Amino acid sequence: MDRSDIITKEALLKLSKEELAEELAGFLEGLPYHQQKKWVAAHLPQYPQEQSSQVEGVELLGKIKDFCERSRSGEFVSWDDYDHYYGWDDSGDSEEFEEWIELFTDLMKSVMKLTLGGQHREAVEGYRLLFGILKEAGETTDILGNQGAPEDFIELNFAQAIKSYAVSLLQIEENLGLDAAIQEILSVAKDYRYCGGFTGLAEALDPKGRKRLKEILTGIVEEELRLEKRSCPHEVEGLIAIATAEKNDLEILSLKEKFASRNAIYLREVIAHYQEEKDWQAVARWARKGIEHFGYDGEYARALIEALDTLGDKLAAQEAHIAYFLKYPAAGEFSSLKQRSQSLSNWSGVFERLLASSTKESTGWPGRAGLRTRLLLAEGREKEALEEFHAGKGGKDLEEIKLIAKYAVARLSEGMDLTGYKKLLKHRERLKEEQGSLYDWLRLILKNPQDLRQEDYARLAASSYQMLVDEHLQSGKPSRAAPAAHYCAIVVEISRLMSCPDLWTNLLAHLKEAYHRKRLIWQNLRAEGIGVTP
């Protein structure tokens, strides 16, 4: 039954303001906390500012303890489904998680008000309880299920919260001592170092406290270095936070340089510093260090190339560019490298080096699949590329077959009216608009003149799609039948467009011979509008 059949605007207008307010208040009281907040934000935006800023410590601690008990009881547990193909499904109900986040956030903000109001003992107990339950929630599924690290979703200035924690704790340090206070906050600051934890601690301390914190952190870092651990000690972030609080830029840079080989973020920041200073020798030095320790990341390679170019060492810049391209062979980098090499009058030799380095054995990731074929086609050596493809030199990769199939379709349909050819028209549209390695290469390759007749390209496309159909159907995975049928439908359209019925009939005969018992392919063919039977 529709809501309007029960509740009408006219009926509600008969109630007095007091009656409506009382009924609405009762209704809102029954909603979860986070939904109440949403309603207030939408309809009473001024209400939070009208509330008293006074917070009663004992009453607040009672609420926090109740929240922790409810958390540990499993009240807020919820689960997101994970599918191995589609990834996380976050479309489900996460009301419990959102409720927990809102409650935690507002309770922590209230504890921070205790610090501002001088209620330090109550504040410290509140911080201990809340940071304790937050850590538990991140380490176990018993509190929030599999929702992930809760701090990533909490709209809270963690640096300020930890600073307030430290301020209150230091106010009652007569029962603890400076070292004990630092050690207590240090464990929390370390847990939330990426949220500004060390920054909050450093800002809360006076010069004497920062000096002691630096001694503690330095001791931990030196011990980890003595043990020859390869990772960057977390405490380095604390040393940087101290230097930042003291506005010691030279110390910050020195620390980042010292640990740059262990921390890619520090290394990027060091390189950015020297780029801003236009110290290109230093940029080149640190970029090489980045490549040495972290591989040919695009940022390090581009920094090295820029530095060498600026320093006037064009051949060294070219070598760096070649190395980067062979690691991450993008179409744009190919064009840039070709232009660079032509200006140095050595493109022919460079291209042969690229070919020699692009064998199947050297391909280590999907972007490199079929690299030799891409290079030959991009250089306008179509005949050589297709001869090698047909000969199966080095074997055929799935991405390479896709490239040839899409290339052939693009060539055969150049200048043709594709009205009524839904799949071929879609292919043309994707070629114009789609981003990604495969389409970038195709757009580059298609700038070269074609060598074959359109019918030759049609037959090349049909044979390539047959290879793709075989790849899918021979995998034994039921989900592969749908893309196989899609490829068949493309061949049907090519056969009609080129008035070459044998392109489809030959593929159909192959299907009947090789896959007549695979029920799913025939079902999917019918779904594609191809009325055939085995």
Protein backbone atom coordinates (compact mmCIF):
# COMPACT_ATOMS: atom_id res chain seq x y z
CA MET A 1 0.00 0.00 0.00
CA ASP A 2 1.34 3.44 -0.89
CA ARG A 3 2.22 5.74 2.03
CA SER A 4 -0.21 8.40 0.74
CA ASP A 5 -3.08 6.00 1.42
CA ILE A 6 -2.30 6.18 5.14
CA ILE A 7 -0.69 9.58 5.74
CA THR A 8 -1.82 12.70 3.89
CA LYS A 9 -0.53 16.24 4.12
CA GLU A 10 -4.05 17.44 4.91
CA ALA A 11 -4.29 15.08 7.90
CA LEU A 12 -0.95 16.28 9.30
CA LEU A 13 -1.98 19.93 8.95
CA LYS A 14 -4.79 19.30 11.42
CA LEU A 15 -2.24 18.64 14.17
CA SER A 16 -0.86 21.53 16.24
CA LYS A 17 2.83 22.48 16.10
CA GLU A 18 3.32 21.04 19.57
CA GLU A 19 1.72 17.73 18.59
CA LEU A 20 3.77 17.50 15.42
CA ALA A 21 6.99 18.37 17.26
CA GLU A 22 6.31 15.74 19.92
CA GLU A 23 5.52 13.05 17.35
CA LEU A 24 8.54 13.95 15.22
CA ALA A 25 10.87 13.95 18.23
CA GLY A 26 9.60 10.49 19.15
CA PHE A 27 10.11 9.25 15.61
CA LEU A 28 13.66 10.66 15.39
CA GLU A 29 14.57 9.21 18.77
CA GLY A 30 13.93 5.76 17.33
CA LEU A 31 16.38 6.29 14.47
CA PRO A 32 20.05 5.25 14.64
CA TYR A 33 22.38 8.02 15.78
CA HIS A 34 23.92 8.67 12.36
CA GLN A 35 20.48 9.01 10.76
CA GLN A 36 19.44 11.49 13.46
CA LYS A 37 22.55 13.54 12.62
CA LYS A 38 21.71 13.52 8.93
CA TRP A 39 18.18 14.74 9.64
CA VAL A 40 19.43 17.51 11.92
CA ALA A 41 22.03 18.61 9.36
CA ALA A 42 19.36 18.78 6.67
CA HIS A 43 16.59 20.47 8.65
CA LEU A 44 18.18 22.15 11.70
CA PRO A 45 21.69 23.19 10.58
CA GLN A 46 21.94 25.75 13.37
CA TYR A 47 21.02 23.28 16.12
CA PRO A 48 24.54 21.93 16.95
CA GLN A 49 25.78 25.50 17.42
CA GLU A 50 22.90 26.23 19.79
CA GLN A 51 23.87 23.34 22.09
CA SER A 52 26.01 24.04 25.14
CA SER A 53 29.73 23.46 24.73
CA GLN A 54 29.97 22.27 28.34
CA VAL A 55 30.79 18.58 28.64
CA GLU A 56 30.41 16.66 31.87
CA GLY A 57 33.37 14.30 32.21
CA VAL A 58 31.80 11.57 34.33
CA GLU A 59 28.67 11.41 32.17
CA LEU A 60 30.77 11.31 28.97
CA LEU A 61 32.94 8.49 30.30
CA GLY A 62 29.78 6.52 30.98
CA LYS A 63 28.73 6.95 27.35
CA ILE A 64 32.17 5.93 26.11
CA LYS A 65 32.22 2.78 28.24
CA ASP A 66 28.76 1.89 26.99
CA PHE A 67 29.92 2.44 23.41
CA CYS A 68 32.91 0.16 23.95
CA GLU A 69 30.73 -2.56 25.46
CA ARG A 70 28.30 -2.36 22.55
CA SER A 71 31.23 -2.51 20.13
CA ARG A 72 32.67 -5.65 21.70
CA SER A 73 29.25 -7.28 21.81
CA GLY A 74 29.16 -7.34 18.01
CA GLU A 75 26.34 -4.81 17.65
CA PHE A 76 28.13 -2.96 14.84
CA VAL A 77 29.43 -5.93 12.86
CA SER A 78 28.63 -5.89 9.13
CA TRP A 79 30.08 -7.68 6.13
CA ASP A 80 30.85 -6.59 2.59
CA ASP A 81 30.89 -9.33 -0.02
CA TYR A 82 34.01 -9.88 -2.09
CA ASP A 83 33.78 -11.34 -5.57
CA HIS A 84 37.04 -12.58 -7.11
CA TYR A 85 36.09 -11.06 -10.47
CA TYR A 86 34.20 -7.85 -9.65
CA GLY A 87 36.02 -6.96 -6.42
CA TRP A 88 34.33 -5.52 -3.35
CA ASP A 89 30.58 -5.13 -3.45
CA ASP A 90 29.84 -2.09 -1.32
CA SER A 91 26.23 -1.84 -2.40
CA GLY A 92 24.99 -3.73 0.65
CA ASP A 93 23.82 -2.45 4.00
CA SER A 94 26.61 -0.73 6.01
CA GLU A 95 24.34 1.10 8.44
CA GLU A 96 26.09 -0.49 11.42
CA PHE A 97 29.50 0.68 10.25
CA GLU A 98 28.28 4.21 9.58
CA GLU A 99 26.64 4.28 13.03
CA TRP A 100 29.91 3.24 14.70
CA ILE A 101 31.93 5.85 12.82
CA GLU A 102 29.56 8.69 13.80
CA LEU A 103 29.43 7.64 17.44
CA PHE A 104 33.21 7.28 17.69
CA THR A 105 33.83 10.62 15.99
CA ASP A 106 31.45 12.58 18.19
CA LEU A 107 32.65 10.90 21.39
CA MET A 108 36.27 11.72 20.52
CA LYS A 109 35.35 15.35 19.80
CA SER A 110 33.60 15.51 23.15
CA VAL A 111 36.71 14.16 24.91
CA MET A 112 38.78 16.85 23.18
CA LYS A 113 36.40 19.39 24.73
CA LEU A 114 37.29 17.95 28.14
CA THR A 115 40.92 18.84 27.41
CA LEU A 116 39.93 22.38 26.45
CA GLY A 117 37.88 22.63 29.64
CA GLY A 118 40.75 21.46 31.85
CA GLN A 119 39.12 18.13 32.83
CA HIS A 120 42.38 16.31 32.10
CA ARG A 121 41.97 13.13 34.18
CA GLU A 122 38.60 12.36 32.64
CA ALA A 123 39.96 13.27 29.21
CA VAL A 124 42.91 10.88 29.52
CA GLU A 125 40.61 8.02 30.46
CA GLY A 126 38.38 8.87 27.49
CA TYR A 127 41.32 8.92 25.07
CA ARG A 128 42.59 5.59 26.39
CA LEU A 129 39.19 3.97 25.95
CA LEU A 130 38.52 5.38 22.48
CA PHE A 131 41.98 4.81 20.99
CA GLY A 132 41.89 1.34 22.51
CA ILE A 133 38.59 0.40 20.85
CA LEU A 134 39.74 1.99 17.57
CA LYS A 135 42.84 -0.20 17.54
CA GLU A 136 40.77 -3.30 18.31
CA ALA A 137 38.35 -2.44 15.51
CA GLY A 138 41.22 -2.28 13.04
CA GLU A 139 42.83 -5.53 14.17
CA THR A 140 39.81 -7.83 14.50
CA THR A 141 36.60 -8.50 12.61
CA ASP A 142 34.69 -8.95 15.87
CA ILE A 143 33.77 -5.26 16.11
CA LEU A 144 33.13 -3.99 12.57
CA GLY A 145 33.30 -7.11 10.41
CA ASN A 146 35.40 -6.74 7.24
CA GLN A 147 34.82 -3.03 6.65
CA GLY A 148 38.53 -2.19 6.69
CA ALA A 149 40.58 0.27 8.72
CA PRO A 150 38.00 2.51 10.44
CA GLU A 151 40.36 5.49 10.70
CA ASP A 152 40.18 5.88 6.93
CA PHE A 153 36.49 6.80 7.27
CA ILE A 154 36.57 8.93 10.40
CA GLU A 155 36.29 12.68 9.76
CA LEU A 156 38.61 13.68 12.55
CA ASN A 157 41.84 15.63 12.82
CA PHE A 158 43.92 12.82 14.32
CA ALA A 159 46.93 15.07 14.82
CA GLN A 160 44.81 17.41 16.92
CA ALA A 161 43.21 14.54 18.83
CA ILE A 162 46.59 13.02 19.71
CA LYS A 163 47.94 16.45 20.60
CA SER A 164 44.99 16.96 22.97
CA TYR A 165 45.61 13.49 24.45
CA ALA A 166 49.25 14.43 25.08
CA VAL A 167 48.34 17.81 26.57
CA SER A 168 45.97 16.22 29.10
CA LEU A 169 48.39 13.41 29.92
CA LEU A 170 51.25 15.83 30.50
CA GLN A 171 49.05 17.83 32.87
CA ILE A 172 48.82 14.81 35.18
CA GLU A 173 52.42 13.65 34.59
CA GLU A 174 53.26 14.00 38.28
CA ASN A 175 51.84 10.50 38.60
CA LEU A 176 53.61 9.28 35.49
CA GLY A 177 56.79 11.16 34.69
CA LEU A 178 57.72 12.60 31.28
CA ASP A 179 59.11 9.35 29.86
CA ALA A 180 56.02 7.36 30.81
CA ALA A 181 53.74 10.01 29.29
CA ILE A 182 55.76 10.06 26.06
CA GLN A 183 55.80 6.27 25.80
CA GLU A 184 52.02 6.08 26.25
CA ILE A 185 51.29 8.62 23.52
CA LEU A 186 54.10 7.27 21.33
CA SER A 187 52.34 3.94 20.83
CA VAL A 188 49.19 5.73 19.64
CA ALA A 189 51.15 8.20 17.47
CA LYS A 190 52.93 5.29 15.79
CA ASP A 191 49.65 3.46 15.09
CA TYR A 192 48.24 6.57 13.38
CA ARG A 193 51.46 8.04 11.96
CA TYR A 194 49.87 8.41 8.51
CA CYS A 195 47.05 10.44 10.08
CA GLY A 196 49.44 12.91 11.72
CA GLY A 197 50.01 11.00 14.92
CA PHE A 198 53.64 12.01 15.40
CA THR A 199 52.80 15.59 14.41
CA GLY A 200 50.26 15.83 17.23
CA LEU A 201 52.71 14.47 19.78
CA ALA A 202 55.57 16.75 18.70
CA GLU A 203 53.35 19.84 18.79
CA ALA A 204 52.13 19.02 22.30
CA LEU A 205 55.64 18.88 23.77
CA ASP A 206 57.78 21.78 24.91
CA PRO A 207 61.48 21.95 23.87
CA LYS A 208 62.51 19.73 26.79
CA GLY A 209 59.87 17.16 25.87
CA ARG A 210 60.77 17.21 22.17
CA LYS A 211 64.45 16.72 23.04
CA ARG A 212 63.57 13.64 25.11
CA LEU A 213 61.24 12.31 22.39
CA LYS A 214 64.04 12.75 19.84
CA GLU A 215 66.42 10.76 22.05
CA ILE A 216 63.90 7.94 22.37
CA LEU A 217 63.10 7.82 18.65
CA THR A 218 66.75 8.06 17.63
CA GLY A 219 67.61 5.12 19.86
CA ILE A 220 64.89 2.99 18.27
CA VAL A 221 65.93 3.96 14.74
CA GLU A 222 69.61 3.24 15.38
CA GLU A 223 68.76 -0.17 16.80
CA GLU A 224 66.75 -1.09 13.72
CA LEU A 225 69.59 0.09 11.48
CA ARG A 226 72.03 -1.99 13.51
CA LEU A 227 69.87 -5.04 12.85
CA GLU A 228 70.17 -4.21 9.12
CA LYS A 229 66.45 -4.19 8.50
CA ARG A 230 65.67 -3.09 4.93
CA SER A 231 62.44 -1.27 5.77
CA CYS A 232 62.30 2.31 6.96
CA PRO A 233 61.75 2.53 10.73
CA HIS A 234 58.36 4.07 11.51
CA GLU A 235 59.98 6.30 14.10
CA VAL A 236 61.69 8.32 11.34
CA GLU A 237 58.32 9.93 10.76
CA GLY A 238 58.45 11.06 14.38
CA LEU A 239 61.89 12.62 13.93
CA ILE A 240 60.59 14.49 10.89
CA ALA A 241 57.56 15.65 12.90
CA ILE A 242 59.90 17.05 15.59
CA ALA A 243 61.96 18.90 12.98
CA THR A 244 58.75 20.22 11.44
CA ALA A 245 57.49 21.48 14.81
CA GLU A 246 60.83 23.25 15.27
CA LYS A 247 60.72 24.63 11.70
CA ASN A 248 64.10 23.03 10.96
CA ASP A 249 63.93 22.58 7.18
CA LEU A 250 67.55 21.42 6.87
CA GLU A 251 66.95 18.65 9.41
CA ILE A 252 63.79 17.56 7.58
CA LEU A 253 65.66 17.31 4.28
CA SER A 254 68.60 15.52 5.92
CA LEU A 255 66.31 12.89 7.44
CA LYS A 256 64.47 12.30 4.18
CA GLU A 257 67.76 11.97 2.29
CA LYS A 258 69.15 9.55 4.89
CA PHE A 259 66.17 7.23 4.57
CA ALA A 260 65.21 7.87 0.94
CA SER A 261 66.48 4.47 -0.19
CA ARG A 262 64.06 2.85 2.25
CA ASN A 263 61.01 5.06 1.71
CA ALA A 264 59.72 5.98 -1.76
CA ILE A 265 57.68 8.91 -0.41
CA TYR A 266 60.76 10.51 1.14
CA LEU A 267 62.67 9.96 -2.10
CA ARG A 268 59.97 11.66 -4.20
CA GLU A 269 59.96 14.60 -1.80
CA VAL A 270 63.76 14.88 -2.00
CA ILE A 271 63.64 14.88 -5.81
CA ALA A 272 60.85 17.48 -5.77
CA HIS A 273 62.95 19.67 -3.47
CA TYR A 274 65.94 19.65 -5.81
CA GLN A 275 63.72 20.18 -8.84
CA GLU A 276 62.35 23.29 -7.18
CA GLU A 277 65.91 24.38 -6.38
CA LYS A 278 66.89 23.58 -10.00
CA ASP A 279 69.84 21.52 -8.77
CA TRP A 280 69.77 19.08 -11.71
CA GLN A 281 72.88 17.17 -10.67
CA ALA A 282 71.15 16.34 -7.40
CA VAL A 283 67.91 15.47 -9.22
CA ALA A 284 69.78 13.04 -11.49
CA ARG A 285 71.61 11.51 -8.52
CA TRP A 286 68.47 10.92 -6.50
CA ALA A 287 66.46 9.76 -9.51
CA ARG A 288 69.11 7.10 -10.20
CA LYS A 289 68.90 6.08 -6.56
CA GLY A 290 65.14 5.73 -6.97
CA ILE A 291 65.56 3.51 -10.03
CA GLU A 292 68.20 1.47 -8.21
CA HIS A 293 66.05 0.83 -5.16
CA PHE A 294 62.49 0.94 -6.48
CA GLY A 295 62.79 0.16 -10.20
CA TYR A 296 61.82 2.18 -13.25
CA ASP A 297 58.91 4.00 -11.69
CA GLY A 298 57.68 6.63 -14.13
CA GLU A 299 58.32 9.47 -11.70
CA TYR A 300 62.00 8.58 -11.18
CA ALA A 301 62.62 7.90 -14.87
CA ARG A 302 61.01 11.15 -15.98
CA ALA A 303 62.97 13.07 -13.34
CA LEU A 304 66.22 11.51 -14.55
CA ILE A 305 65.44 12.23 -18.21
CA GLU A 306 64.50 15.83 -17.42
CA ALA A 307 67.68 16.34 -15.38
CA LEU A 308 69.97 14.88 -18.05
CA ASP A 309 68.27 16.92 -20.77
CA THR A 310 68.66 20.10 -18.74
CA LEU A 311 72.32 19.29 -18.08
CA GLY A 312 72.82 18.89 -21.83
CA ASP A 313 73.71 15.17 -21.78
CA LYS A 314 71.36 14.18 -24.60
CA LEU A 315 72.77 10.68 -25.17
CA ALA A 316 72.48 9.80 -21.48
CA ALA A 317 68.92 11.14 -21.49
CA GLN A 318 68.18 8.97 -24.51
CA GLU A 319 69.56 5.86 -22.75
CA ALA A 320 67.36 6.59 -19.73
CA HIS A 321 64.38 7.03 -22.04
CA ILE A 322 65.06 3.71 -23.80
CA ALA A 323 65.30 1.88 -20.48
CA TYR A 324 62.06 3.43 -19.28
CA PHE A 325 60.20 2.63 -22.49
CA LEU A 326 61.28 -1.02 -22.43
CA LYS A 327 59.98 -1.29 -18.88
CA TYR A 328 56.69 0.54 -19.54
CA PRO A 329 56.12 0.59 -23.33
CA ALA A 330 53.38 3.16 -23.86
CA ALA A 331 52.51 4.52 -27.29
CA GLY A 332 53.15 8.10 -26.19
CA GLU A 333 56.62 7.20 -24.93
CA PHE A 334 57.36 5.50 -28.27
CA SER A 335 56.51 8.67 -30.17
CA SER A 336 58.53 10.79 -27.76
CA LEU A 337 61.53 8.45 -27.93
CA LYS A 338 61.37 8.36 -31.73
CA GLN A 339 61.32 12.15 -31.92
CA ARG A 340 64.26 12.36 -29.50
CA SER A 341 66.27 9.76 -31.45
CA GLN A 342 65.57 11.36 -34.81
CA SER A 343 66.94 14.64 -33.47
CA LEU A 344 70.11 12.71 -32.59
CA SER A 345 70.12 11.00 -36.02
CA ASN A 346 70.25 7.50 -34.52
CA TRP A 347 66.63 6.33 -34.64
CA SER A 348 67.36 3.36 -36.91
CA GLY A 349 69.82 1.87 -34.43
CA VAL A 350 67.58 2.61 -31.46
CA PHE A 351 64.59 0.95 -33.13
CA GLU A 352 66.60 -2.22 -33.79
CA ARG A 353 67.57 -2.26 -30.11
CA LEU A 354 63.92 -1.99 -29.15
CA LEU A 355 63.04 -4.89 -31.44
CA ALA A 356 65.84 -7.02 -30.04
CA SER A 357 64.62 -6.33 -26.50
CA SER A 358 60.96 -7.09 -27.25
CA THR A 359 61.07 -10.87 -27.59
CA LYS A 360 58.36 -12.85 -25.85
CA GLU A 361 60.80 -14.02 -23.17
CA SER A 362 61.44 -10.41 -22.12
CA THR A 363 57.80 -9.46 -21.67
CA GLY A 364 56.98 -9.24 -18.00
CA TRP A 365 53.57 -7.57 -17.78
CA PRO A 366 50.38 -7.18 -19.89
CA GLY A 367 51.41 -3.81 -21.31
CA ARG A 368 54.41 -5.50 -22.95
CA ALA A 369 52.44 -8.34 -24.55
CA GLY A 370 52.94 -8.35 -28.31
CA LEU A 371 55.41 -5.47 -28.06
CA ARG A 372 57.39 -6.58 -31.13
CA THR A 373 54.20 -6.57 -33.21
CA ARG A 374 53.27 -3.12 -31.94
CA LEU A 375 56.70 -1.76 -32.71
CA LEU A 376 56.73 -3.10 -36.27
CA LEU A 377 53.23 -1.80 -36.99
CA ALA A 378 53.98 1.58 -35.44
CA GLU A 379 57.07 1.89 -37.63
CA GLY A 380 55.02 1.08 -40.74
CA ARG A 381 56.52 -2.38 -41.24
CA GLU A 382 53.12 -4.01 -41.57
CA LYS A 383 54.14 -6.84 -43.90
CA GLU A 384 56.92 -7.97 -41.57
CA ALA A 385 54.65 -7.75 -38.51
CA LEU A 386 51.88 -9.81 -40.10
CA GLU A 387 54.27 -12.41 -41.48
CA GLU A 388 55.71 -12.93 -38.00
CA PHE A 389 52.22 -13.02 -36.53
CA HIS A 390 51.03 -15.71 -38.94
CA ALA A 391 54.25 -17.67 -38.44
CA GLY A 392 53.68 -17.56 -34.69
CA LYS A 393 57.20 -16.29 -34.01
CA GLY A 394 57.70 -16.39 -30.25
CA GLY A 395 54.14 -17.64 -29.75
CA LYS A 396 50.93 -15.60 -29.69
CA ASP A 397 49.75 -13.70 -26.68
CA LEU A 398 46.05 -12.98 -26.09
CA GLU A 399 46.67 -9.22 -26.08
CA GLU A 400 48.65 -9.50 -29.30
CA ILE A 401 45.78 -11.35 -31.01
CA LYS A 402 43.35 -8.67 -29.80
CA LEU A 403 45.60 -5.98 -31.23
CA ILE A 404 45.73 -7.63 -34.65
CA ALA A 405 41.97 -8.28 -34.67
CA LYS A 406 41.10 -4.68 -33.78
CA TYR A 407 43.73 -3.35 -36.17
CA ALA A 408 42.31 -5.40 -39.03
CA VAL A 409 38.73 -4.27 -38.28
CA ALA A 410 39.83 -0.63 -38.19
CA ARG A 411 41.60 -1.00 -41.55
CA LEU A 412 38.82 -2.86 -43.36
CA SER A 413 36.15 -0.40 -42.22
CA GLU A 414 38.07 2.81 -43.03
CA GLY A 415 35.80 5.14 -44.99
CA MET A 416 32.89 2.69 -45.00
CA ASP A 417 29.31 3.41 -43.91
CA LEU A 418 28.73 1.24 -40.84
CA THR A 419 25.06 2.09 -40.39
CA GLY A 420 23.29 -1.11 -39.36
CA TYR A 421 26.53 -2.76 -38.18
CA LYS A 422 26.18 -2.30 -34.45
CA LYS A 423 29.35 -4.03 -33.29
CA LEU A 424 31.61 -2.56 -35.97
CA LEU A 425 30.24 0.91 -35.24
CA LYS A 426 30.92 0.40 -31.53
CA HIS A 427 34.46 -0.64 -32.41
CA ARG A 428 34.97 2.58 -34.35
CA GLU A 429 33.61 4.68 -31.48
CA ARG A 430 35.87 2.97 -28.93
CA LEU A 431 38.87 3.51 -31.17
CA LYS A 432 38.18 7.25 -31.10
CA GLU A 433 37.37 7.61 -27.43
CA GLU A 434 38.72 4.71 -25.36
CA GLN A 435 41.81 5.30 -23.24
CA GLY A 436 44.37 2.65 -22.45
CA SER A 437 47.50 1.03 -23.81
CA LEU A 438 45.86 -1.05 -26.57
CA TYR A 439 43.84 1.80 -28.07
CA ASP A 440 46.69 4.29 -27.72
CA TRP A 441 48.87 1.99 -29.78
CA LEU A 442 46.13 1.41 -32.36
CA ARG A 443 45.63 5.14 -32.89
CA LEU A 444 49.37 5.55 -33.37
CA ILE A 445 49.65 2.58 -35.74
CA LEU A 446 46.70 3.66 -37.90
CA LYS A 447 48.49 6.88 -38.83
CA ASN A 448 50.64 4.81 -41.19
CA PRO A 449 49.39 3.98 -44.70
CA GLN A 450 47.83 0.54 -45.21
CA ASP A 451 49.48 -2.09 -47.41
CA LEU A 452 46.73 -4.71 -47.86
CA ARG A 453 43.38 -4.76 -49.62
CA GLN A 454 40.25 -4.42 -47.48
CA GLU A 455 39.31 -8.05 -48.16
CA ASP A 456 42.73 -9.11 -46.87
CA TYR A 457 42.12 -7.19 -43.67
CA ALA A 458 38.68 -8.81 -43.40
CA ARG A 459 40.22 -12.27 -43.60
CA LEU A 460 42.92 -11.27 -41.12
CA ALA A 461 40.22 -10.07 -38.72
CA ALA A 462 38.17 -13.28 -39.13
CA SER A 463 41.18 -15.53 -38.49
CA SER A 464 42.23 -13.45 -35.46
CA TYR A 465 38.76 -13.59 -33.94
CA GLN A 466 38.72 -17.35 -34.49
CA MET A 467 41.95 -17.52 -32.44
CA LEU A 468 40.26 -15.50 -29.69
CA VAL A 469 37.20 -17.76 -29.78
CA ASP A 470 39.47 -20.79 -29.37
CA GLU A 471 41.38 -19.13 -26.52
CA HIS A 472 38.14 -18.58 -24.63
CA LEU A 473 36.39 -21.87 -25.32
CA GLN A 474 39.47 -23.98 -24.67
CA SER A 475 39.92 -22.36 -21.25
CA GLY A 476 37.14 -24.54 -19.86
CA LYS A 477 35.59 -21.61 -18.00
CA PRO A 478 31.82 -21.21 -18.52
CA SER A 479 32.10 -17.40 -18.28
CA ARG A 480 34.24 -17.36 -21.43
CA ALA A 481 31.38 -18.48 -23.69
CA ALA A 482 29.82 -14.98 -23.77
CA PRO A 483 32.92 -13.14 -25.11
CA ALA A 484 33.49 -15.97 -27.59
CA ALA A 485 29.96 -15.48 -28.94
CA HIS A 486 30.58 -11.72 -29.10
CA TYR A 487 33.62 -12.30 -31.31
CA CYS A 488 31.55 -14.57 -33.54
CA ALA A 489 28.96 -11.81 -33.92
CA ILE A 490 31.68 -9.42 -35.07
CA VAL A 491 32.74 -11.91 -37.76
CA VAL A 492 29.10 -12.16 -38.87
CA GLU A 493 29.00 -8.37 -39.37
CA ILE A 494 32.34 -8.37 -41.22
CA SER A 495 31.04 -11.14 -43.47
CA ARG A 496 27.94 -9.08 -44.32
CA LEU A 497 29.83 -5.80 -44.76
CA MET A 498 32.41 -7.28 -47.13
CA SER A 499 29.94 -9.62 -48.92
CA CYS A 500 32.19 -12.55 -48.00
CA PRO A 501 29.81 -15.19 -46.58
CA ASP A 502 32.62 -17.73 -46.25
CA LEU A 503 34.18 -15.72 -43.41
CA TRP A 504 31.28 -16.69 -41.18
CA THR A 505 30.51 -20.10 -42.65
CA ASN A 506 34.12 -21.20 -42.17
CA LEU A 507 34.06 -20.09 -38.54
CA LEU A 508 30.69 -21.77 -38.00
CA ALA A 509 32.02 -25.04 -39.46
CA HIS A 510 34.97 -24.81 -37.08
CA LEU A 511 32.61 -24.29 -34.13
CA LYS A 512 30.49 -27.27 -35.07
CA GLU A 513 33.50 -29.51 -35.44
CA ALA A 514 35.40 -28.44 -32.34
CA TYR A 515 32.70 -27.32 -29.90
CA HIS A 516 29.45 -29.04 -30.83
CA ARG A 517 29.15 -30.39 -27.27
CA LYS A 518 29.72 -27.02 -25.56
CA ARG A 519 26.12 -26.04 -24.88
CA LEU A 520 26.92 -22.55 -23.56
CA ILE A 521 28.49 -21.25 -26.76
CA TRP A 522 25.37 -22.09 -28.74
CA GLN A 523 23.13 -20.47 -26.13
CA ASN A 524 25.25 -17.31 -26.21
CA LEU A 525 25.24 -17.25 -30.01
CA ARG A 526 21.45 -17.23 -29.94
CA ALA A 527 21.58 -14.43 -27.36
CA GLU A 528 23.70 -12.46 -29.87
CA GLY A 529 20.93 -12.95 -32.44
CA ILE A 530 22.74 -15.69 -34.37
CA GLY A 531 20.20 -18.43 -34.92
CA VAL A 532 22.41 -21.51 -35.38
CA THR A 533 22.50 -24.96 -33.82
CA PRO A 534 25.32 -27.47 -33.43
